[in-house]
Amino acid sequence: MTTLKPGSMLLGTTRPAEMRAWYIKALAPEFTGEGAIDLDGFLLVIDGRDDVEAKNNDPARAIINFHVEDFDAMEAQLNAAGVEWITIEDREKGKFGTFADPDGNYLQIIEWK
């Protein structure tokens, strides 16, 4: 049997232009072009939808994790982009920072020990 490898994620929103701009500014500031946002080989597709709420009422249900080698540098980049931090914690297994996009979806950066 073959193990599937994730290649992309569809993010539905009521405001696709704003979300796209936010994701590029926060996560891929060097990205240019149209279509899916390339996050180092993982594609983020942002789609305008009328079947979703403007705010995610259950943002901890699914969290995108980004593994980083330098937490402090990535925290500074995200601060410069104006992200809304939910929590930053030193845990036994590493340092975790949870933040939210404009629709309230949670994302995390993790520097593993």
PDB file of N, CA and C in Angstrom:
ATOM      1  N   MET A   1       0.825  -1.187   0.000  1.00  0.00           N
ATOM      2  CA  MET A   1       0.000   0.000   0.000  1.00  0.00           C
ATOM      3  C   MET A   1       0.869   1.251   0.000  1.00  0.00           C
ATOM      4  N   THR A   2       0.352   2.318  -0.548  1.00  0.00           N
ATOM      5  CA  THR A   2       1.056   3.596  -0.630  1.00  0.00           C
ATOM      6  C   THR A   2       0.555   4.547   0.442  1.00  0.00           C
ATOM      7  N   THR A   3       1.489   5.198   1.121  1.00  0.00           N
ATOM      8  CA  THR A   3       1.141   6.238   2.081  1.00  0.00           C
ATOM      9  C   THR A   3       1.001   7.550   1.327  1.00  0.00           C
ATOM     10  N   LEU A   4      -0.107   8.219   1.530  1.00  0.00           N
ATOM     11  CA  LEU A   4      -0.342   9.490   0.851  1.00  0.00           C
ATOM     12  C   LEU A   4       0.483  10.600   1.477  1.00  0.00           C
ATOM     13  N   LYS A   5       0.967  11.509   0.637  1.00  0.00           N
ATOM     14  CA  LYS A   5       1.720  12.672   1.093  1.00  0.00           C
ATOM     15  C   LYS A   5       0.866  13.903   0.836  1.00  0.00           C
ATOM     16  N   PRO A   6       0.578  14.706   1.874  1.00  0.00           N
ATOM     17  CA  PRO A   6      -0.205  15.928   1.647  1.00  0.00           C
ATOM     18  C   PRO A   6       0.517  16.845   0.677  1.00  0.00           C
ATOM     19  N   GLY A   7      -0.256  17.425  -0.234  1.00  0.00           N
ATOM     20  CA  GLY A   7       0.331  18.310  -1.219  1.00  0.00           C
ATOM     21  C   GLY A   7      -0.256  19.708  -1.197  1.00  0.00           C
ATOM     22  N   SER A   8      -1.515  19.799  -0.740  1.00  0.00           N
ATOM     23  CA  SER A   8      -2.151  21.105  -0.710  1.00  0.00           C
ATOM     24  C   SER A   8      -3.288  21.106   0.288  1.00  0.00           C
ATOM     25  N   MET A   9      -3.757  22.314   0.574  1.00  0.00           N
ATOM     26  CA  MET A   9      -4.881  22.502   1.472  1.00  0.00           C
ATOM     27  C   MET A   9      -5.776  23.581   0.884  1.00  0.00           C
ATOM     28  N   LEU A  10      -7.073  23.357   0.922  1.00  0.00           N
ATOM     29  CA  LEU A  10      -8.052  24.348   0.494  1.00  0.00           C
ATOM     30  C   LEU A  10      -8.565  25.070   1.734  1.00  0.00           C
ATOM     31  N   LEU A  11      -8.476  26.383   1.720  1.00  0.00           N
ATOM     32  CA  LEU A  11      -8.973  27.194   2.818  1.00  0.00           C
ATOM     33  C   LEU A  11     -10.112  28.049   2.287  1.00  0.00           C
ATOM     34  N   GLY A  12     -11.323  27.742   2.715  1.00  0.00           N
ATOM     35  CA  GLY A  12     -12.495  28.497   2.293  1.00  0.00           C
ATOM     36  C   GLY A  12     -12.692  29.722   3.173  1.00  0.00           C
ATOM     37  N   THR A  13     -13.083  30.828   2.548  1.00  0.00           N
ATOM     38  CA  THR A  13     -13.252  32.085   3.277  1.00  0.00           C
ATOM     39  C   THR A  13     -14.265  32.965   2.562  1.00  0.00           C
ATOM     40  N   THR A  14     -14.842  33.896   3.311  1.00  0.00           N
ATOM     41  CA  THR A  14     -15.765  34.856   2.711  1.00  0.00           C
ATOM     42  C   THR A  14     -15.023  36.066   2.140  1.00  0.00           C
ATOM     43  N   ARG A  15     -13.730  36.149   2.401  1.00  0.00           N
ATOM     44  CA  ARG A  15     -12.929  37.283   1.927  1.00  0.00           C
ATOM     45  C   ARG A  15     -11.573  36.799   1.393  1.00  0.00           C
ATOM     46  N   PRO A  16     -11.582  36.204   0.220  1.00  0.00           N
ATOM     47  CA  PRO A  16     -10.369  35.575  -0.306  1.00  0.00           C
ATOM     48  C   PRO A  16      -9.207  36.524  -0.568  1.00  0.00           C
ATOM     49  N   ALA A  17      -9.454  37.728  -1.057  1.00  0.00           N
ATOM     50  CA  ALA A  17      -8.353  38.646  -1.355  1.00  0.00           C
ATOM     51  C   ALA A  17      -7.614  39.044  -0.077  1.00  0.00           C
ATOM     52  N   GLU A  18      -8.364  39.354   0.983  1.00  0.00           N
ATOM     53  CA  GLU A  18      -7.750  39.733   2.256  1.00  0.00           C
ATOM     54  C   GLU A  18      -6.965  38.562   2.851  1.00  0.00           C
ATOM     55  N   MET A  19      -7.552  37.375   2.804  1.00  0.00           N
ATOM     56  CA  MET A  19      -6.874  36.197   3.362  1.00  0.00           C
ATOM     57  C   MET A  19      -5.600  35.874   2.578  1.00  0.00           C
ATOM     58  N   ARG A  20      -5.680  35.941   1.275  1.00  0.00           N
ATOM     59  CA  ARG A  20      -4.508  35.672   0.441  1.00  0.00           C
ATOM     60  C   ARG A  20      -3.385  36.648   0.779  1.00  0.00           C
ATOM     61  N   ALA A  21      -3.709  37.922   0.867  1.00  0.00           N
ATOM     62  CA  ALA A  21      -2.702  38.933   1.205  1.00  0.00           C
ATOM     63  C   ALA A  21      -2.101  38.661   2.579  1.00  0.00           C
ATOM     64  N   TRP A  22      -2.941  38.289   3.549  1.00  0.00           N
ATOM     65  CA  TRP A  22      -2.449  38.012   4.900  1.00  0.00           C
ATOM     66  C   TRP A  22      -1.496  36.821   4.890  1.00  0.00           C
ATOM     67  N   TYR A  23      -1.884  35.729   4.225  1.00  0.00           N
ATOM     68  CA  TYR A  23      -1.039  34.530   4.203  1.00  0.00           C
ATOM     69  C   TYR A  23       0.289  34.798   3.509  1.00  0.00           C
ATOM     70  N   ILE A  24       0.265  35.555   2.434  1.00  0.00           N
ATOM     71  CA  ILE A  24       1.528  35.877   1.757  1.00  0.00           C
ATOM     72  C   ILE A  24       2.401  36.733   2.666  1.00  0.00           C
ATOM     73  N   LYS A  25       1.829  37.761   3.274  1.00  0.00           N
ATOM     74  CA  LYS A  25       2.600  38.649   4.155  1.00  0.00           C
ATOM     75  C   LYS A  25       3.185  37.888   5.340  1.00  0.00           C
ATOM     76  N   ALA A  26       2.384  37.038   5.967  1.00  0.00           N
ATOM     77  CA  ALA A  26       2.820  36.342   7.186  1.00  0.00           C
ATOM     78  C   ALA A  26       3.718  35.141   6.904  1.00  0.00           C
ATOM     79  N   LEU A  27       3.382  34.343   5.893  1.00  0.00           N
ATOM     80  CA  LEU A  27       4.051  33.050   5.729  1.00  0.00           C
ATOM     81  C   LEU A  27       4.950  32.928   4.505  1.00  0.00           C
ATOM     82  N   ALA A  28       4.722  33.744   3.496  1.00  0.00           N
ATOM     83  CA  ALA A  28       5.488  33.596   2.257  1.00  0.00           C
ATOM     84  C   ALA A  28       5.776  34.969   1.644  1.00  0.00           C
ATOM     85  N   PRO A  29       6.494  35.840   2.366  1.00  0.00           N
ATOM     86  CA  PRO A  29       6.665  37.216   1.896  1.00  0.00           C
ATOM     87  C   PRO A  29       7.389  37.344   0.557  1.00  0.00           C
ATOM     88  N   GLU A  30       8.105  36.320   0.133  1.00  0.00           N
ATOM     89  CA  GLU A  30       8.801  36.384  -1.149  1.00  0.00           C
ATOM     90  C   GLU A  30       7.968  35.800  -2.281  1.00  0.00           C
ATOM     91  N   PHE A  31       6.778  35.282  -1.988  1.00  0.00           N
ATOM     92  CA  PHE A  31       5.933  34.669  -3.015  1.00  0.00           C
ATOM     93  C   PHE A  31       5.364  35.739  -3.938  1.00  0.00           C
ATOM     94  N   THR A  32       5.401  35.443  -5.214  1.00  0.00           N
ATOM     95  CA  THR A  32       4.761  36.292  -6.214  1.00  0.00           C
ATOM     96  C   THR A  32       3.964  35.380  -7.138  1.00  0.00           C
ATOM     97  N   GLY A  33       2.989  35.928  -7.780  1.00  0.00           N
ATOM     98  CA  GLY A  33       2.233  35.143  -8.741  1.00  0.00           C
ATOM     99  C   GLY A  33       0.801  34.940  -8.302  1.00  0.00           C
ATOM    100  N   GLU A  34       0.100  34.222  -9.130  1.00  0.00           N
ATOM    101  CA  GLU A  34      -1.312  33.936  -8.915  1.00  0.00           C
ATOM    102  C   GLU A  34      -1.472  32.485  -8.475  1.00  0.00           C
ATOM    103  N   GLY A  35      -2.702  32.107  -8.204  1.00  0.00           N
ATOM    104  CA  GLY A  35      -2.990  30.712  -7.869  1.00  0.00           C
ATOM    105  C   GLY A  35      -2.589  30.354  -6.454  1.00  0.00           C
ATOM    106  N   ALA A  36      -2.314  29.077  -6.268  1.00  0.00           N
ATOM    107  CA  ALA A  36      -1.970  28.553  -4.947  1.00  0.00           C
ATOM    108  C   ALA A  36      -0.683  29.196  -4.432  1.00  0.00           C
ATOM    109  N   ILE A  37      -0.640  29.426  -3.121  1.00  0.00           N
ATOM    110  CA  ILE A  37       0.548  29.971  -2.469  1.00  0.00           C
ATOM    111  C   ILE A  37       1.458  28.798  -2.120  1.00  0.00           C
ATOM    112  N   ASP A  38       2.675  28.833  -2.618  1.00  0.00           N
ATOM    113  CA  ASP A  38       3.633  27.747  -2.393  1.00  0.00           C
ATOM    114  C   ASP A  38       4.342  27.973  -1.061  1.00  0.00           C
ATOM    115  N   LEU A  39       4.071  27.086  -0.106  1.00  0.00           N
ATOM    116  CA  LEU A  39       4.713  27.126   1.208  1.00  0.00           C
ATOM    117  C   LEU A  39       5.760  26.022   1.243  1.00  0.00           C
ATOM    118  N   ASP A  40       6.844  26.238   0.530  1.00  0.00           N
ATOM    119  CA  ASP A  40       7.956  25.279   0.455  1.00  0.00           C
ATOM    120  C   ASP A  40       7.498  23.902  -0.020  1.00  0.00           C
ATOM    121  N   GLY A  41       6.712  23.873  -1.075  1.00  0.00           N
ATOM    122  CA  GLY A  41       6.254  22.614  -1.664  1.00  0.00           C
ATOM    123  C   GLY A  41       4.855  22.197  -1.252  1.00  0.00           C
ATOM    124  N   PHE A  42       4.328  22.782  -0.213  1.00  0.00           N
ATOM    125  CA  PHE A  42       2.946  22.531   0.205  1.00  0.00           C
ATOM    126  C   PHE A  42       2.127  23.713  -0.286  1.00  0.00           C
ATOM    127  N   LEU A  43       1.080  23.437  -1.070  1.00  0.00           N
ATOM    128  CA  LEU A  43       0.315  24.505  -1.697  1.00  0.00           C
ATOM    129  C   LEU A  43      -0.908  24.868  -0.859  1.00  0.00           C
ATOM    130  N   LEU A  44      -1.105  26.166  -0.671  1.00  0.00           N
ATOM    131  CA  LEU A  44      -2.273  26.676   0.036  1.00  0.00           C
ATOM    132  C   LEU A  44      -3.181  27.340  -0.990  1.00  0.00           C
ATOM    133  N   VAL A  45      -4.373  26.784  -1.150  1.00  0.00           N
ATOM    134  CA  VAL A  45      -5.358  27.304  -2.074  1.00  0.00           C
ATOM    135  C   VAL A  45      -6.406  28.051  -1.261  1.00  0.00           C
ATOM    136  N   ILE A  46      -6.589  29.327  -1.535  1.00  0.00           N
ATOM    137  CA  ILE A  46      -7.574  30.128  -0.822  1.00  0.00           C
ATOM    138  C   ILE A  46      -8.733  30.376  -1.772  1.00  0.00           C
ATOM    139  N   ASP A  47      -9.928  29.979  -1.330  1.00  0.00           N
ATOM    140  CA  ASP A  47     -11.099  30.003  -2.192  1.00  0.00           C
ATOM    141  C   ASP A  47     -12.223  30.800  -1.547  1.00  0.00           C
ATOM    142  N   GLY A  48     -12.806  31.726  -2.295  1.00  0.00           N
ATOM    143  CA  GLY A  48     -13.977  32.455  -1.822  1.00  0.00           C
ATOM    144  C   GLY A  48     -15.187  31.541  -1.796  1.00  0.00           C
ATOM    145  N   ARG A  49     -15.854  31.481  -0.653  1.00  0.00           N
ATOM    146  CA  ARG A  49     -16.981  30.564  -0.484  1.00  0.00           C
ATOM    147  C   ARG A  49     -18.131  31.288   0.186  1.00  0.00           C
ATOM    148  N   ASP A  50     -19.354  30.908  -0.197  1.00  0.00           N
ATOM    149  CA  ASP A  50     -20.517  31.477   0.481  1.00  0.00           C
ATOM    150  C   ASP A  50     -21.171  30.455   1.407  1.00  0.00           C
ATOM    151  N   ASP A  51     -20.529  29.300   1.586  1.00  0.00           N
ATOM    152  CA  ASP A  51     -21.064  28.270   2.471  1.00  0.00           C
ATOM    153  C   ASP A  51     -20.264  28.137   3.773  1.00  0.00           C
ATOM    154  N   VAL A  52     -19.451  29.164   4.093  1.00  0.00           N
ATOM    155  CA  VAL A  52     -18.704  29.180   5.347  1.00  0.00           C
ATOM    156  C   VAL A  52     -19.011  30.472   6.088  1.00  0.00           C
ATOM    157  N   GLU A  53     -18.826  30.457   7.389  1.00  0.00           N
ATOM    158  CA  GLU A  53     -19.023  31.653   8.208  1.00  0.00           C
ATOM    159  C   GLU A  53     -17.818  32.585   8.048  1.00  0.00           C
ATOM    160  N   ALA A  54     -18.012  33.851   8.330  1.00  0.00           N
ATOM    161  CA  ALA A  54     -16.930  34.825   8.241  1.00  0.00           C
ATOM    162  C   ALA A  54     -15.837  34.535   9.272  1.00  0.00           C
ATOM    163  N   LYS A  55     -16.211  34.039  10.441  1.00  0.00           N
ATOM    164  CA  LYS A  55     -15.251  33.669  11.489  1.00  0.00           C
ATOM    165  C   LYS A  55     -15.392  32.196  11.804  1.00  0.00           C
ATOM    166  N   ASN A  56     -14.261  31.539  12.036  1.00  0.00           N
ATOM    167  CA  ASN A  56     -14.250  30.129  12.410  1.00  0.00           C
ATOM    168  C   ASN A  56     -14.658  30.024  13.881  1.00  0.00           C
ATOM    169  N   ASN A  57     -15.764  29.352  14.146  1.00  0.00           N
ATOM    170  CA  ASN A  57     -16.260  29.218  15.520  1.00  0.00           C
ATOM    171  C   ASN A  57     -15.603  28.086  16.296  1.00  0.00           C
ATOM    172  N   ASP A  58     -14.772  27.283  15.641  1.00  0.00           N
ATOM    173  CA  ASP A  58     -14.101  26.161  16.288  1.00  0.00           C
ATOM    174  C   ASP A  58     -12.651  26.084  15.792  1.00  0.00           C
ATOM    175  N   PRO A  59     -11.846  27.138  16.043  1.00  0.00           N
ATOM    176  CA  PRO A  59     -10.538  27.241  15.405  1.00  0.00           C
ATOM    177  C   PRO A  59      -9.497  26.216  15.841  1.00  0.00           C
ATOM    178  N   ALA A  60      -9.689  25.563  16.957  1.00  0.00           N
ATOM    179  CA  ALA A  60      -8.709  24.582  17.410  1.00  0.00           C
ATOM    180  C   ALA A  60      -8.968  23.192  16.826  1.00  0.00           C
ATOM    181  N   ARG A  61     -10.023  23.044  16.037  1.00  0.00           N
ATOM    182  CA  ARG A  61     -10.356  21.730  15.466  1.00  0.00           C
ATOM    183  C   ARG A  61      -9.252  21.231  14.536  1.00  0.00           C
ATOM    184  N   ALA A  62      -8.736  22.097  13.699  1.00  0.00           N
ATOM    185  CA  ALA A  62      -7.647  21.740  12.783  1.00  0.00           C
ATOM    186  C   ALA A  62      -6.641  22.879  12.793  1.00  0.00           C
ATOM    187  N   ILE A  63      -5.399  22.561  13.100  1.00  0.00           N
ATOM    188  CA  ILE A  63      -4.343  23.566  13.198  1.00  0.00           C
ATOM    189  C   ILE A  63      -3.224  23.177  12.233  1.00  0.00           C
ATOM    190  N   ILE A  64      -2.802  24.144  11.414  1.00  0.00           N
ATOM    191  CA  ILE A  64      -1.656  23.916  10.540  1.00  0.00           C
ATOM    192  C   ILE A  64      -0.401  24.179  11.361  1.00  0.00           C
ATOM    193  N   ASN A  65       0.506  23.200  11.405  1.00  0.00           N
ATOM    194  CA  ASN A  65       1.759  23.332  12.140  1.00  0.00           C
ATOM    195  C   ASN A  65       2.910  23.566  11.178  1.00  0.00           C
ATOM    196  N   PHE A  66       3.759  24.521  11.523  1.00  0.00           N
ATOM    197  CA  PHE A  66       4.963  24.798  10.764  1.00  0.00           C
ATOM    198  C   PHE A  66       6.156  24.529  11.673  1.00  0.00           C
ATOM    199  N   HIS A  67       7.010  23.602  11.289  1.00  0.00           N
ATOM    200  CA  HIS A  67       8.191  23.275  12.070  1.00  0.00           C
ATOM    201  C   HIS A  67       9.297  24.249  11.667  1.00  0.00           C
ATOM    202  N   VAL A  68       9.874  24.922  12.653  1.00  0.00           N
ATOM    203  CA  VAL A  68      10.889  25.938  12.393  1.00  0.00           C
ATOM    204  C   VAL A  68      12.165  25.597  13.142  1.00  0.00           C
ATOM    205  N   GLU A  69      13.288  26.065  12.602  1.00  0.00           N
ATOM    206  CA  GLU A  69      14.574  25.841  13.262  1.00  0.00           C
ATOM    207  C   GLU A  69      14.955  26.997  14.177  1.00  0.00           C
ATOM    208  N   ASP A  70      14.388  28.177  13.922  1.00  0.00           N
ATOM    209  CA  ASP A  70      14.691  29.359  14.732  1.00  0.00           C
ATOM    210  C   ASP A  70      13.374  30.033  15.108  1.00  0.00           C
ATOM    211  N   PHE A  71      12.837  29.646  16.260  1.00  0.00           N
ATOM    212  CA  PHE A  71      11.546  30.157  16.708  1.00  0.00           C
ATOM    213  C   PHE A  71      11.547  31.677  16.803  1.00  0.00           C
ATOM    214  N   ASP A  72      12.599  32.223  17.404  1.00  0.00           N
ATOM    215  CA  ASP A  72      12.640  33.665  17.641  1.00  0.00           C
ATOM    216  C   ASP A  72      12.621  34.450  16.325  1.00  0.00           C
ATOM    217  N   ALA A  73      13.344  33.978  15.317  1.00  0.00           N
ATOM    218  CA  ALA A  73      13.355  34.664  14.025  1.00  0.00           C
ATOM    219  C   ALA A  73      11.982  34.602  13.367  1.00  0.00           C
ATOM    220  N   MET A  74      11.330  33.448  13.439  1.00  0.00           N
ATOM    221  CA  MET A  74      10.001  33.335  12.841  1.00  0.00           C
ATOM    222  C   MET A  74       8.978  34.132  13.630  1.00  0.00           C
ATOM    223  N   GLU A  75       9.105  34.157  14.939  1.00  0.00           N
ATOM    224  CA  GLU A  75       8.210  34.983  15.760  1.00  0.00           C
ATOM    225  C   GLU A  75       8.349  36.455  15.354  1.00  0.00           C
ATOM    226  N   ALA A  76       9.572  36.912  15.128  1.00  0.00           N
ATOM    227  CA  ALA A  76       9.800  38.297  14.723  1.00  0.00           C
ATOM    228  C   ALA A  76       9.170  38.573  13.354  1.00  0.00           C
ATOM    229  N   GLN A  77       9.309  37.636  12.406  1.00  0.00           N
ATOM    230  CA  GLN A  77       8.697  37.807  11.088  1.00  0.00           C
ATOM    231  C   GLN A  77       7.186  37.898  11.206  1.00  0.00           C
ATOM    232  N   LEU A  78       6.601  37.034  12.021  1.00  0.00           N
ATOM    233  CA  LEU A  78       5.151  37.038  12.200  1.00  0.00           C
ATOM    234  C   LEU A  78       4.679  38.294  12.938  1.00  0.00           C
ATOM    235  N   ASN A  79       5.461  38.753  13.904  1.00  0.00           N
ATOM    236  CA  ASN A  79       5.124  40.011  14.592  1.00  0.00           C
ATOM    237  C   ASN A  79       5.130  41.175  13.605  1.00  0.00           C
ATOM    238  N   ALA A  80       6.117  41.198  12.723  1.00  0.00           N
ATOM    239  CA  ALA A  80       6.198  42.263  11.720  1.00  0.00           C
ATOM    240  C   ALA A  80       4.998  42.223  10.775  1.00  0.00           C
ATOM    241  N   ALA A  81       4.440  41.029  10.574  1.00  0.00           N
ATOM    242  CA  ALA A  81       3.256  40.878   9.722  1.00  0.00           C
ATOM    243  C   ALA A  81       1.969  41.198  10.484  1.00  0.00           C
ATOM    244  N   GLY A  82       2.082  41.394  11.805  1.00  0.00           N
ATOM    245  CA  GLY A  82       0.924  41.773  12.609  1.00  0.00           C
ATOM    246  C   GLY A  82       0.017  40.631  13.018  1.00  0.00           C
ATOM    247  N   VAL A  83       0.576  39.429  13.188  1.00  0.00           N
ATOM    248  CA  VAL A  83      -0.283  38.306  13.560  1.00  0.00           C
ATOM    249  C   VAL A  83      -0.855  38.477  14.964  1.00  0.00           C
ATOM    250  N   GLU A  84      -1.972  37.827  15.193  1.00  0.00           N
ATOM    251  CA  GLU A  84      -2.637  37.810  16.501  1.00  0.00           C
ATOM    252  C   GLU A  84      -2.224  36.524  17.215  1.00  0.00           C
ATOM    253  N   TRP A  85      -1.381  36.651  18.245  1.00  0.00           N
ATOM    254  CA  TRP A  85      -0.917  35.483  18.993  1.00  0.00           C
ATOM    255  C   TRP A  85      -1.997  35.014  19.961  1.00  0.00           C
ATOM    256  N   ILE A  86      -2.204  33.721  19.996  1.00  0.00           N
ATOM    257  CA  ILE A  86      -3.106  33.111  20.964  1.00  0.00           C
ATOM    258  C   ILE A  86      -2.299  32.719  22.198  1.00  0.00           C
ATOM    259  N   THR A  87      -1.155  32.081  21.958  1.00  0.00           N
ATOM    260  CA  THR A  87      -0.277  31.674  23.059  1.00  0.00           C
ATOM    261  C   THR A  87       1.115  31.368  22.519  1.00  0.00           C
ATOM    262  N   ILE A  88       2.110  31.583  23.378  1.00  0.00           N
ATOM    263  CA  ILE A  88       3.479  31.133  23.107  1.00  0.00           C
ATOM    264  C   ILE A  88       3.917  30.397  24.359  1.00  0.00           C
ATOM    265  N   GLU A  89       4.347  29.145  24.173  1.00  0.00           N
ATOM    266  CA  GLU A  89       4.661  28.307  25.334  1.00  0.00           C
ATOM    267  C   GLU A  89       5.941  27.517  25.112  1.00  0.00           C
ATOM    268  N   ASP A  90       6.752  27.449  26.186  1.00  0.00           N
ATOM    269  CA  ASP A  90       7.846  26.495  26.223  1.00  0.00           C
ATOM    270  C   ASP A  90       7.291  25.225  26.847  1.00  0.00           C
ATOM    271  N   ARG A  91       7.366  24.144  26.104  1.00  0.00           N
ATOM    272  CA  ARG A  91       6.883  22.858  26.598  1.00  0.00           C
ATOM    273  C   ARG A  91       8.044  21.871  26.649  1.00  0.00           C
ATOM    274  N   GLU A  92       7.788  20.725  27.228  1.00  0.00           N
ATOM    275  CA  GLU A  92       8.823  19.700  27.351  1.00  0.00           C
ATOM    276  C   GLU A  92       9.420  19.331  25.996  1.00  0.00           C
ATOM    277  N   LYS A  93       8.601  19.260  24.973  1.00  0.00           N
ATOM    278  CA  LYS A  93       9.062  18.803  23.649  1.00  0.00           C
ATOM    279  C   LYS A  93       9.503  19.929  22.726  1.00  0.00           C
ATOM    280  N   GLY A  94       9.307  21.190  23.134  1.00  0.00           N
ATOM    281  CA  GLY A  94       9.732  22.291  22.285  1.00  0.00           C
ATOM    282  C   GLY A  94       8.998  23.573  22.603  1.00  0.00           C
ATOM    283  N   LYS A  95       9.200  24.559  21.738  1.00  0.00           N
ATOM    284  CA  LYS A  95       8.541  25.849  21.889  1.00  0.00           C
ATOM    285  C   LYS A  95       7.428  25.940  20.855  1.00  0.00           C
ATOM    286  N   PHE A  96       6.227  26.307  21.315  1.00  0.00           N
ATOM    287  CA  PHE A  96       5.028  26.338  20.480  1.00  0.00           C
ATOM    288  C   PHE A  96       4.446  27.746  20.490  1.00  0.00           C
ATOM    289  N   GLY A  97       4.114  28.249  19.330  1.00  0.00           N
ATOM    290  CA  GLY A  97       3.443  29.532  19.209  1.00  0.00           C
ATOM    291  C   GLY A  97       2.191  29.362  18.371  1.00  0.00           C
ATOM    292  N   THR A  98       1.051  29.668  18.949  1.00  0.00           N
ATOM    293  CA  THR A  98      -0.232  29.548  18.244  1.00  0.00           C
ATOM    294  C   THR A  98      -0.728  30.942  17.914  1.00  0.00           C
ATOM    295  N   PHE A  99      -1.129  31.136  16.656  1.00  0.00           N
ATOM    296  CA  PHE A  99      -1.636  32.423  16.204  1.00  0.00           C
ATOM    297  C   PHE A  99      -2.838  32.200  15.303  1.00  0.00           C
ATOM    298  N   ALA A 100      -3.539  33.279  14.985  1.00  0.00           N
ATOM    299  CA  ALA A 100      -4.777  33.169  14.212  1.00  0.00           C
ATOM    300  C   ALA A 100      -4.695  34.014  12.949  1.00  0.00           C
ATOM    301  N   ASP A 101      -5.348  33.518  11.897  1.00  0.00           N
ATOM    302  CA  ASP A 101      -5.479  34.306  10.673  1.00  0.00           C
ATOM    303  C   ASP A 101      -6.705  35.218  10.802  1.00  0.00           C
ATOM    304  N   PRO A 102      -6.988  36.070   9.819  1.00  0.00           N
ATOM    305  CA  PRO A 102      -8.123  36.995   9.949  1.00  0.00           C
ATOM    306  C   PRO A 102      -9.488  36.335  10.131  1.00  0.00           C
ATOM    307  N   ASP A 103      -9.651  35.083   9.686  1.00  0.00           N
ATOM    308  CA  ASP A 103     -10.917  34.369   9.886  1.00  0.00           C
ATOM    309  C   ASP A 103     -10.960  33.630  11.218  1.00  0.00           C
ATOM    310  N   GLY A 104      -9.853  33.685  11.989  1.00  0.00           N
ATOM    311  CA  GLY A 104      -9.811  33.023  13.288  1.00  0.00           C
ATOM    312  C   GLY A 104      -9.262  31.619  13.257  1.00  0.00           C
ATOM    313  N   ASN A 105      -8.818  31.124  12.095  1.00  0.00           N
ATOM    314  CA  ASN A 105      -8.216  29.787  12.016  1.00  0.00           C
ATOM    315  C   ASN A 105      -6.872  29.806  12.729  1.00  0.00           C
ATOM    316  N   TYR A 106      -6.572  28.737  13.475  1.00  0.00           N
ATOM    317  CA  TYR A 106      -5.322  28.675  14.210  1.00  0.00           C
ATOM    318  C   TYR A 106      -4.217  28.058  13.355  1.00  0.00           C
ATOM    319  N   LEU A 107      -3.006  28.579  13.565  1.00  0.00           N
ATOM    320  CA  LEU A 107      -1.784  28.052  12.991  1.00  0.00           C
ATOM    321  C   LEU A 107      -0.769  27.993  14.117  1.00  0.00           C
ATOM    322  N   GLN A 108       0.267  27.163  13.952  1.00  0.00           N
ATOM    323  CA  GLN A 108       1.305  27.086  14.977  1.00  0.00           C
ATOM    324  C   GLN A 108       2.676  27.049  14.339  1.00  0.00           C
ATOM    325  N   ILE A 109       3.640  27.669  15.030  1.00  0.00           N
ATOM    326  CA  ILE A 109       5.033  27.416  14.727  1.00  0.00           C
ATOM    327  C   ILE A 109       5.572  26.599  15.893  1.00  0.00           C
ATOM    328  N   ILE A 110       6.425  25.629  15.559  1.00  0.00           N
ATOM    329  CA  ILE A 110       6.973  24.739  16.577  1.00  0.00           C
ATOM    330  C   ILE A 110       8.467  24.579  16.329  1.00  0.00           C
ATOM    331  N   GLU A 111       9.257  24.827  17.363  1.00  0.00           N
ATOM    332  CA  GLU A 111      10.673  24.491  17.338  1.00  0.00           C
ATOM    333  C   GLU A 111      10.857  23.316  18.287  1.00  0.00           C
ATOM    334  N   TRP A 112      11.066  22.137  17.710  1.00  0.00           N
ATOM    335  CA  TRP A 112      11.210  20.921  18.506  1.00  0.00           C
ATOM    336  C   TRP A 112      12.571  20.897  19.201  1.00  0.00           C
ATOM    337  N   LYS A 113      12.591  20.338  20.413  1.00  0.00           N
ATOM    338  CA  LYS A 113      13.867  20.179  21.142  1.00  0.00           C
ATOM    339  C   LYS A 113      14.563  18.942  20.634  1.00  0.00           C
TER     340      LYS A 113
END
